[in-house]
Amino acid sequence: MEFKHTSVLLEECIENLNIKPDGVYVDGTLGGGGHSAEICRRLSEKGTLIGIDRDRDALAAAKTHLAEFRCRKHFVQSNYSDIRQVLRDLDTDSIDGALLDLGVSSFQLDNSQRGFSYMHDAPLDMRMSQDDNFTAFDVVNHYSQKDLTRIISKYGEEKWASRISSFIVNGRKDGPIETTGQLVDLIKAAIPAKARREGPHPAKRTFQAIRIEVNDELGQLTGALTEFMDVLAPGGRLCVISFHSLEDRIVKETIAKRANPCTCPPEFPVCVCGKKADIVKISGKPILPGEDELLNNPRARSAKLRVCEKI
């Protein structure tokens, strides 16, 4: 299957990365290389792109897509949270910029065999790395009702989490739930008809929650953001695109804490804790897709971009 992915907030990311032709840039969520192509287009032969992805299909597609560019390129199958080890392996101390696009790619959604989409009937998988062993099947069939309720409520922000988990547990009594189609049917049965007719697809939030659990997406994010800020060279920028409120809250709070690390009580007239900011926020409020982008790519509607710069 051809790797297709429409890059979200592409122009805004490239503009805010403030790319230096001879610089070193990391795309921590390489995907099909859409953002990276525009980075490479602005790099000289001395410039370097480091592309990281957990998905070997994405890496293979990106190598082909980016072959025409003259800059130095390194493709690494890893998790972006391992950025320090990736840089050590490449004998690189610091970088001039980095991009994290936290959304699942269109390729992964549209490839029915990956099990990410509630629009296709497929095996329950949802792994971003095919080398991992833990899948959506394990969550759906082995988690207790209490744990299912917890993750669907917390990661999916689903008001019907308790009913959905109850229907899943009862449904698997007749045999394992093996496909996305079976899971969608149970979710639809759990949500009252009136609620199903309102808002997004009834399975959207539950599928998001299970995907986050399978890939430990939130567990790695806070630490990864800190690691990326640590390895930025002075003037280097980090651009992060999030797609739901849980991710955006982590990005917002991590940047804010780094930009204002003072722990002195608010009544103190001057800072005495000695903690100094080494990051400045470039965008106070998140940067959102414009009307034209939303018209051409409806999947961008929930995207938010936040940017910070190393002092």
Protein backbone atom coordinates (compact mmCIF):
# COMPACT_ATOMS: atom_id res chain seq x y z
CA MET A 1 0.00 0.00 0.00
CA GLU A 2 1.32 3.44 -0.91
CA PHE A 3 2.15 5.60 2.10
CA LYS A 4 -0.07 8.67 1.94
CA HIS A 5 -0.24 11.35 4.61
CA THR A 6 -1.35 14.95 4.32
CA SER A 7 0.92 16.95 6.61
CA VAL A 8 -0.98 19.15 9.05
CA LEU A 9 -0.02 22.79 9.69
CA LEU A 10 2.85 22.34 7.24
CA GLU A 11 3.53 25.99 6.40
CA GLU A 12 3.17 27.06 10.03
CA CYS A 13 5.64 24.40 11.22
CA ILE A 14 8.27 25.25 8.61
CA GLU A 15 7.96 28.97 9.28
CA ASN A 16 8.30 28.51 13.03
CA LEU A 17 11.26 26.13 12.81
CA ASN A 18 13.27 29.07 11.42
CA ILE A 19 15.48 26.66 9.48
CA LYS A 20 19.21 27.32 9.06
CA PRO A 21 20.61 25.82 5.82
CA ASP A 22 23.53 24.11 7.59
CA GLY A 23 21.58 23.13 10.71
CA VAL A 24 20.60 19.80 12.25
CA TYR A 25 16.88 19.07 12.46
CA VAL A 26 14.90 16.17 13.88
CA ASP A 27 11.53 14.97 12.69
CA GLY A 28 10.58 12.77 15.64
CA THR A 29 7.43 11.46 13.96
CA LEU A 30 8.67 11.03 10.40
CA GLY A 31 5.64 9.33 8.87
CA GLY A 32 5.73 9.56 5.09
CA GLY A 33 8.13 12.51 5.27
CA GLY A 34 5.75 15.35 4.41
CA HIS A 35 7.11 17.81 6.96
CA SER A 36 10.64 16.49 6.45
CA ALA A 37 10.50 17.15 2.70
CA GLU A 38 9.98 20.84 3.37
CA ILE A 39 12.77 20.83 5.95
CA CYS A 40 15.13 19.12 3.48
CA ARG A 41 14.15 21.59 0.77
CA ARG A 42 15.63 24.35 2.93
CA LEU A 43 18.80 22.54 3.97
CA SER A 44 22.15 22.71 2.19
CA GLU A 45 24.47 19.77 1.54
CA LYS A 46 25.94 20.46 4.98
CA GLY A 47 22.53 20.42 6.67
CA THR A 48 21.22 17.29 8.39
CA LEU A 49 17.80 15.73 8.83
CA ILE A 50 17.30 13.00 11.42
CA GLY A 51 14.03 11.18 10.85
CA ILE A 52 12.65 8.98 13.63
CA ASP A 53 9.63 6.69 13.47
CA ARG A 54 8.44 3.53 15.20
CA ASP A 55 6.81 2.31 11.99
CA ARG A 56 9.18 0.57 9.58
CA ASP A 57 6.72 1.06 6.71
CA ALA A 58 6.85 4.80 7.33
CA LEU A 59 10.65 4.80 7.34
CA ALA A 60 10.82 2.91 4.06
CA ALA A 61 8.35 5.30 2.43
CA ALA A 62 10.18 8.35 3.76
CA LYS A 63 13.55 7.15 2.44
CA THR A 64 12.05 6.96 -1.04
CA HIS A 65 10.19 10.25 -0.71
CA LEU A 66 13.24 12.17 0.51
CA ALA A 67 15.85 10.58 -1.76
CA GLU A 68 15.95 13.58 -4.12
CA PHE A 69 17.22 16.01 -1.50
CA ARG A 70 20.93 16.73 -1.17
CA CYS A 71 21.19 17.24 2.59
CA ARG A 72 22.54 14.57 4.93
CA LYS A 73 19.80 12.21 6.11
CA HIS A 74 19.58 9.64 8.88
CA PHE A 75 16.56 7.34 9.24
CA VAL A 76 16.12 5.71 12.64
CA GLN A 77 13.51 3.18 13.75
CA SER A 78 12.92 4.21 17.31
CA ASN A 79 10.57 6.07 19.61
CA TYR A 80 10.99 9.84 19.70
CA SER A 81 11.26 9.56 23.48
CA ASP A 82 14.68 7.94 22.89
CA ILE A 83 16.04 11.14 21.31
CA ARG A 84 19.14 11.27 23.54
CA GLN A 85 20.20 7.75 22.58
CA VAL A 86 19.49 8.45 18.90
CA LEU A 87 21.75 11.52 19.01
CA ARG A 88 24.47 9.63 20.91
CA ASP A 89 24.47 6.92 18.26
CA LEU A 90 24.93 9.63 15.61
CA ASP A 91 27.66 11.44 17.59
CA THR A 92 25.47 14.55 17.71
CA ASP A 93 25.43 16.77 20.80
CA SER A 94 22.68 19.24 19.97
CA ILE A 95 20.12 20.12 17.32
CA ASP A 96 18.84 23.33 15.77
CA GLY A 97 15.20 22.33 15.70
CA ALA A 98 12.72 19.51 16.04
CA LEU A 99 9.17 18.64 15.08
CA LEU A 100 6.72 16.25 16.74
CA ASP A 101 3.44 15.51 14.98
CA LEU A 102 1.59 13.47 17.58
CA GLY A 103 -1.27 12.30 15.37
CA VAL A 104 -1.70 8.87 13.84
CA SER A 105 -0.92 9.10 10.12
CA SER A 106 -3.50 8.89 7.36
CA PHE A 107 -1.66 5.83 6.08
CA GLN A 108 -2.11 4.04 9.38
CA LEU A 109 -5.77 5.03 9.54
CA ASP A 110 -6.48 3.99 5.96
CA ASN A 111 -4.50 0.76 6.02
CA SER A 112 -7.24 -1.57 7.21
CA GLN A 113 -4.80 -4.23 8.39
CA ARG A 114 -3.34 -1.93 11.05
CA GLY A 115 -6.62 -1.77 12.96
CA PHE A 116 -6.51 1.94 13.79
CA SER A 117 -9.74 2.89 12.04
CA TYR A 118 -13.32 2.31 13.11
CA MET A 119 -14.30 2.69 9.44
CA HIS A 120 -12.70 -0.62 8.34
CA ASP A 121 -13.19 -4.13 9.66
CA ALA A 122 -9.74 -5.42 10.59
CA PRO A 123 -7.84 -7.36 13.27
CA LEU A 124 -7.59 -5.47 16.57
CA ASP A 125 -4.01 -4.22 16.40
CA MET A 126 -3.32 -0.44 16.67
CA ARG A 127 0.45 -0.84 17.16
CA MET A 128 2.50 2.06 15.83
CA SER A 129 5.46 -0.30 15.77
CA GLN A 130 4.89 -3.72 14.25
CA ASP A 131 7.76 -4.99 16.40
CA ASP A 132 5.79 -4.48 19.63
CA ASN A 133 3.86 -7.43 21.04
CA PHE A 134 1.11 -5.62 22.95
CA THR A 135 -1.98 -4.95 20.81
CA ALA A 136 -5.53 -3.64 21.01
CA PHE A 137 -6.67 -7.27 21.17
CA ASP A 138 -4.91 -7.59 24.53
CA VAL A 139 -6.58 -4.47 25.92
CA VAL A 140 -10.07 -5.34 24.72
CA ASN A 141 -9.97 -9.00 25.74
CA HIS A 142 -7.80 -9.05 28.85
CA TYR A 143 -8.38 -5.77 30.71
CA SER A 144 -10.84 -5.79 33.59
CA GLN A 145 -14.06 -3.80 33.30
CA LYS A 146 -12.64 -1.31 35.80
CA ASP A 147 -9.47 -0.77 33.76
CA LEU A 148 -11.41 -0.48 30.49
CA THR A 149 -13.63 2.16 32.06
CA ARG A 150 -10.58 4.01 33.34
CA ILE A 151 -8.74 4.24 30.01
CA ILE A 152 -11.85 4.95 27.90
CA SER A 153 -12.86 7.73 30.31
CA LYS A 154 -9.36 9.17 30.80
CA TYR A 155 -7.85 8.84 27.34
CA GLY A 156 -11.04 9.05 25.29
CA GLU A 157 -12.91 11.52 27.51
CA GLU A 158 -15.94 9.36 26.77
CA LYS A 159 -19.03 9.99 28.94
CA TRP A 160 -20.37 6.50 28.19
CA ALA A 161 -17.15 4.76 29.25
CA SER A 162 -18.80 2.66 31.95
CA ARG A 163 -21.52 1.35 29.63
CA ILE A 164 -19.05 0.68 26.83
CA SER A 165 -16.71 -1.30 29.08
CA SER A 166 -19.66 -3.29 30.42
CA PHE A 167 -20.78 -4.20 26.90
CA ILE A 168 -17.21 -5.19 25.95
CA VAL A 169 -16.81 -7.48 28.98
CA ASN A 170 -20.21 -9.09 28.38
CA GLY A 171 -19.51 -9.39 24.66
CA ARG A 172 -16.28 -11.30 25.13
CA LYS A 173 -18.02 -13.97 27.24
CA ASP A 174 -19.13 -15.58 23.98
CA GLY A 175 -15.57 -15.64 22.66
CA PRO A 176 -12.72 -13.21 22.03
CA ILE A 177 -13.39 -9.89 20.33
CA GLU A 178 -11.01 -10.13 17.39
CA THR A 179 -11.90 -7.35 14.94
CA THR A 180 -12.55 -3.64 14.88
CA GLY A 181 -15.98 -4.35 13.42
CA GLN A 182 -16.98 -6.43 16.44
CA LEU A 183 -15.75 -3.69 18.76
CA VAL A 184 -17.61 -0.95 16.86
CA ASP A 185 -20.85 -2.95 17.09
CA LEU A 186 -20.48 -3.28 20.86
CA ILE A 187 -19.74 0.43 21.26
CA LYS A 188 -22.76 1.37 19.17
CA ALA A 189 -24.95 -0.94 21.22
CA ALA A 190 -23.68 0.63 24.45
CA ILE A 191 -24.34 4.25 23.50
CA PRO A 192 -27.98 5.38 23.51
CA ALA A 193 -29.46 6.09 20.08
CA LYS A 194 -29.88 9.83 20.68
CA ALA A 195 -26.23 10.20 21.69
CA ARG A 196 -25.08 8.15 18.66
CA ARG A 197 -26.81 10.61 16.34
CA GLU A 198 -24.98 13.60 17.85
CA GLY A 199 -21.33 14.52 17.47
CA PRO A 200 -18.55 12.38 15.96
CA HIS A 201 -18.62 8.68 15.15
CA PRO A 202 -19.66 6.82 18.35
CA ALA A 203 -16.47 4.72 18.33
CA LYS A 204 -14.04 7.61 17.85
CA ARG A 205 -13.25 8.28 21.50
CA THR A 206 -12.97 4.63 22.50
CA PHE A 207 -10.64 3.83 19.60
CA GLN A 208 -8.50 6.86 20.53
CA ALA A 209 -8.30 5.65 24.13
CA ILE A 210 -7.29 2.11 23.20
CA ARG A 211 -4.68 3.39 20.72
CA ILE A 212 -3.16 5.64 23.39
CA GLU A 213 -3.03 2.74 25.84
CA VAL A 214 -1.48 0.31 23.35
CA ASN A 215 1.29 2.74 22.38
CA ASP A 216 1.75 4.45 25.77
CA GLU A 217 1.44 7.76 23.94
CA LEU A 218 0.89 10.00 26.95
CA GLY A 219 3.27 8.14 29.24
CA GLN A 220 6.24 8.99 27.05
CA LEU A 221 5.24 12.51 26.04
CA THR A 222 6.20 14.62 29.07
CA GLY A 223 9.65 13.08 29.37
CA ALA A 224 10.22 13.29 25.63
CA LEU A 225 9.36 17.00 25.53
CA THR A 226 11.89 17.67 28.28
CA GLU A 227 14.55 15.64 26.48
CA PHE A 228 14.00 17.54 23.23
CA MET A 229 14.26 20.88 25.04
CA ASP A 230 17.50 19.71 26.66
CA VAL A 231 19.18 18.88 23.33
CA LEU A 232 18.17 22.07 21.52
CA ALA A 233 21.05 24.41 20.75
CA PRO A 234 20.58 28.09 21.72
CA GLY A 235 18.06 29.56 19.29
CA GLY A 236 16.80 26.09 18.39
CA ARG A 237 13.05 25.59 18.23
CA LEU A 238 10.67 22.76 19.07
CA CYS A 239 7.33 22.53 17.23
CA VAL A 240 4.70 20.15 18.60
CA ILE A 241 1.38 19.33 16.93
CA SER A 242 -1.25 17.72 19.14
CA PHE A 243 -4.68 16.42 18.23
CA HIS A 244 -6.63 16.10 21.46
CA SER A 245 -6.90 17.97 24.73
CA LEU A 246 -4.90 15.48 26.80
CA GLU A 247 -1.86 15.82 24.55
CA ASP A 248 -2.20 19.58 24.24
CA ARG A 249 -2.47 20.01 27.99
CA ILE A 250 0.78 18.11 28.52
CA VAL A 251 2.56 20.14 25.82
CA LYS A 252 1.22 23.44 27.16
CA GLU A 253 2.08 22.71 30.78
CA THR A 254 5.55 21.29 30.03
CA ILE A 255 6.53 24.33 27.99
CA ALA A 256 5.04 26.73 30.57
CA LYS A 257 6.90 25.07 33.44
CA ARG A 258 10.19 25.22 31.55
CA ALA A 259 9.60 28.85 30.54
CA ASN A 260 8.80 29.84 34.13
CA PRO A 261 10.56 27.42 36.49
CA CYS A 262 10.51 29.70 39.54
CA THR A 263 9.16 27.90 42.63
CA CYS A 264 9.12 30.91 44.95
CA PRO A 265 5.84 31.67 46.74
CA PRO A 266 3.82 34.28 44.80
CA GLU A 267 4.04 36.77 47.68
CA PHE A 268 7.85 36.96 47.37
CA PRO A 269 8.83 40.31 45.78
CA VAL A 270 11.87 38.80 44.02
CA CYS A 271 12.95 35.30 43.00
CA VAL A 272 15.25 33.61 45.50
CA CYS A 273 15.04 29.98 44.28
CA GLY A 274 17.62 30.65 41.56
CA LYS A 275 15.83 28.68 38.87
CA LYS A 276 16.21 30.36 35.48
CA ALA A 277 14.22 29.78 32.33
CA ASP A 278 16.10 28.32 29.37
CA ILE A 279 13.03 28.18 27.11
CA VAL A 280 10.78 30.92 25.79
CA LYS A 281 7.31 30.41 24.35
CA ILE A 282 7.07 31.53 20.73
CA SER A 283 3.33 31.01 20.52
CA GLY A 284 1.32 32.04 23.57
CA LYS A 285 -1.86 30.53 22.22
CA PRO A 286 -1.80 27.44 20.01
CA ILE A 287 -1.57 27.94 16.26
CA LEU A 288 -4.61 26.46 14.52
CA PRO A 289 -5.24 25.35 10.92
CA GLY A 290 -6.70 27.97 8.59
CA GLU A 291 -10.00 27.66 6.75
CA ASP A 292 -8.34 26.54 3.50
CA GLU A 293 -6.50 23.71 5.22
CA LEU A 294 -9.63 22.54 7.01
CA LEU A 295 -11.48 22.51 3.71
CA ASN A 296 -8.78 20.38 2.05
CA ASN A 297 -7.95 18.18 5.05
CA PRO A 298 -10.81 17.67 7.53
CA ARG A 299 -8.54 15.52 9.72
CA ALA A 300 -6.68 18.72 10.66
CA ARG A 301 -9.68 20.18 12.49
CA SER A 302 -8.46 19.26 15.98
CA ALA A 303 -4.76 20.06 15.40
CA LYS A 304 -2.92 22.56 17.60
CA LEU A 305 0.67 23.71 17.17
CA ARG A 306 2.78 25.01 20.06
CA VAL A 307 6.32 26.34 19.63
CA CYS A 308 9.16 27.12 22.03
CA GLU A 309 12.76 28.28 21.60
CA LYS A 310 15.93 27.53 23.57
CA ILE A 311 17.51 30.63 25.10
